[in-house]
């Protein structure tokens, strides 16, 4: 997979991306089951094995970091950082504490 540097959603204007990723982060880590993000009704799901939170927006899955992996990001998640991975066939991005990281 290759890291993408800007967006997995070409339809979102540059000026709105910061708000978009913050809303995804806030939703994933909230107690809410549903949210409206950029005029889309989004449902939160949980992975079957580890119960990691995720949501699908279009063909992109946003999923919280697995804290049980042996990686720097897992350690950061265990220390309380809010880490999400956006994944689309062959591409990914990271959202850390509500901000897109490049």
Protein backbone atom coordinates (compact mmCIF):
# COMPACT_ATOMS: atom_id res chain seq x y z
CA UNK A 1 0.00 0.00 0.00
CA UNK A 2 1.15 3.51 -0.65
CA UNK A 3 0.58 6.47 1.60
CA UNK A 4 -1.50 9.25 0.14
CA UNK A 5 -0.70 12.75 1.17
CA UNK A 6 -3.95 14.64 0.89
CA UNK A 7 -7.25 12.85 0.65
CA UNK A 8 -9.03 9.67 -0.21
CA UNK A 9 -12.07 11.77 -1.12
CA UNK A 10 -11.47 13.87 -4.22
CA UNK A 11 -14.90 15.49 -3.84
CA UNK A 12 -13.87 17.36 -0.66
CA UNK A 13 -12.40 20.78 -1.27
CA UNK A 14 -9.00 21.61 0.19
CA UNK A 15 -10.44 24.09 2.69
CA UNK A 16 -12.88 21.51 4.07
CA UNK A 17 -10.48 18.60 4.59
CA UNK A 18 -9.33 19.69 8.04
CA UNK A 19 -12.96 19.87 9.24
CA UNK A 20 -13.77 16.52 7.56
CA UNK A 21 -10.94 14.63 9.28
CA UNK A 22 -11.69 16.23 12.66
CA UNK A 23 -15.35 15.17 12.36
CA UNK A 24 -14.33 11.59 11.53
CA UNK A 25 -12.00 11.47 14.52
CA UNK A 26 -14.57 12.93 16.89
CA UNK A 27 -17.18 10.43 15.69
CA UNK A 28 -14.98 7.31 15.85
CA UNK A 29 -14.00 8.08 19.45
CA UNK A 30 -17.49 9.15 20.58
CA UNK A 31 -20.24 7.05 22.12
CA UNK A 32 -22.53 7.86 19.18
CA UNK A 33 -23.63 5.08 16.86
CA UNK A 34 -24.52 7.45 13.99
CA UNK A 35 -23.28 10.79 12.71
CA UNK A 36 -23.87 13.10 9.79
CA UNK A 37 -20.55 13.92 8.20
CA UNK A 38 -20.57 16.16 5.14
CA UNK A 39 -24.27 15.48 4.54
CA UNK A 40 -23.86 11.70 4.75
CA UNK A 41 -25.50 9.56 7.43
CA UNK A 42 -22.64 7.41 8.77
CA UNK A 43 -22.95 4.36 11.03
CA UNK A 44 -20.15 3.24 13.31
CA UNK A 45 -19.18 -0.42 13.28
CA UNK A 46 -16.86 -2.63 15.29
CA UNK A 47 -14.43 -5.21 13.96
CA UNK A 48 -15.45 -8.74 14.85
CA UNK A 49 -12.30 -9.86 16.58
CA UNK A 50 -10.90 -6.87 18.55
CA UNK A 51 -13.95 -4.61 18.56
CA UNK A 52 -12.00 -1.75 16.98
CA UNK A 53 -14.23 1.15 15.98
CA UNK A 54 -14.61 2.06 12.31
CA UNK A 55 -16.84 3.81 9.83
CA UNK A 56 -17.14 3.54 6.07
CA UNK A 57 -17.53 6.69 4.00
CA UNK A 58 -17.92 5.85 0.34
CA UNK A 59 -15.23 3.32 -0.50
CA UNK A 60 -12.96 4.40 2.35
CA UNK A 61 -12.78 2.68 5.73
CA UNK A 62 -11.66 4.75 8.73
CA UNK A 63 -10.56 2.53 11.62
CA UNK A 64 -8.99 3.20 14.97
CA UNK A 65 -5.44 2.02 15.59
CA UNK A 66 -5.15 -1.49 16.97
CA UNK A 67 -3.50 -0.88 20.37
CA UNK A 68 -2.41 -4.53 20.63
CA UNK A 69 0.07 -4.41 17.77
CA UNK A 70 3.74 -4.01 18.54
CA UNK A 71 4.25 -0.69 16.79
CA UNK A 72 4.98 2.91 17.65
CA UNK A 73 1.42 3.86 16.69
CA UNK A 74 -0.05 1.19 18.96
CA UNK A 75 2.04 2.46 21.85
CA UNK A 76 0.88 5.99 21.13
CA UNK A 77 -2.75 4.81 21.09
CA UNK A 78 -2.24 3.10 24.45
CA UNK A 79 -0.94 6.42 25.82
CA UNK A 80 -4.21 8.07 24.78
CA UNK A 81 -3.55 9.48 21.32
CA UNK A 82 -6.52 9.16 18.96
CA UNK A 83 -5.13 7.43 15.88
CA UNK A 84 -7.23 6.47 12.87
CA UNK A 85 -6.24 4.92 9.57
CA UNK A 86 -8.11 5.74 6.37
CA UNK A 87 -7.85 2.85 3.92
CA UNK A 88 -8.85 2.59 0.29
CA UNK A 89 -7.67 -0.10 -2.09
CA UNK A 90 -3.90 0.27 -2.18
CA UNK A 91 -3.83 3.63 -0.36
CA UNK A 92 -3.93 4.86 3.21
CA UNK A 93 -3.65 7.92 5.39
CA UNK A 94 -3.39 8.59 9.10
CA UNK A 95 -5.41 10.93 11.26
CA UNK A 96 -3.80 11.62 14.62
CA UNK A 97 -5.71 13.57 17.25
CA UNK A 98 -8.11 14.84 14.59
CA UNK A 99 -5.49 16.04 12.12
CA UNK A 100 -4.34 14.52 8.86
CA UNK A 101 -0.68 13.50 9.11
CA UNK A 102 1.55 13.38 6.06
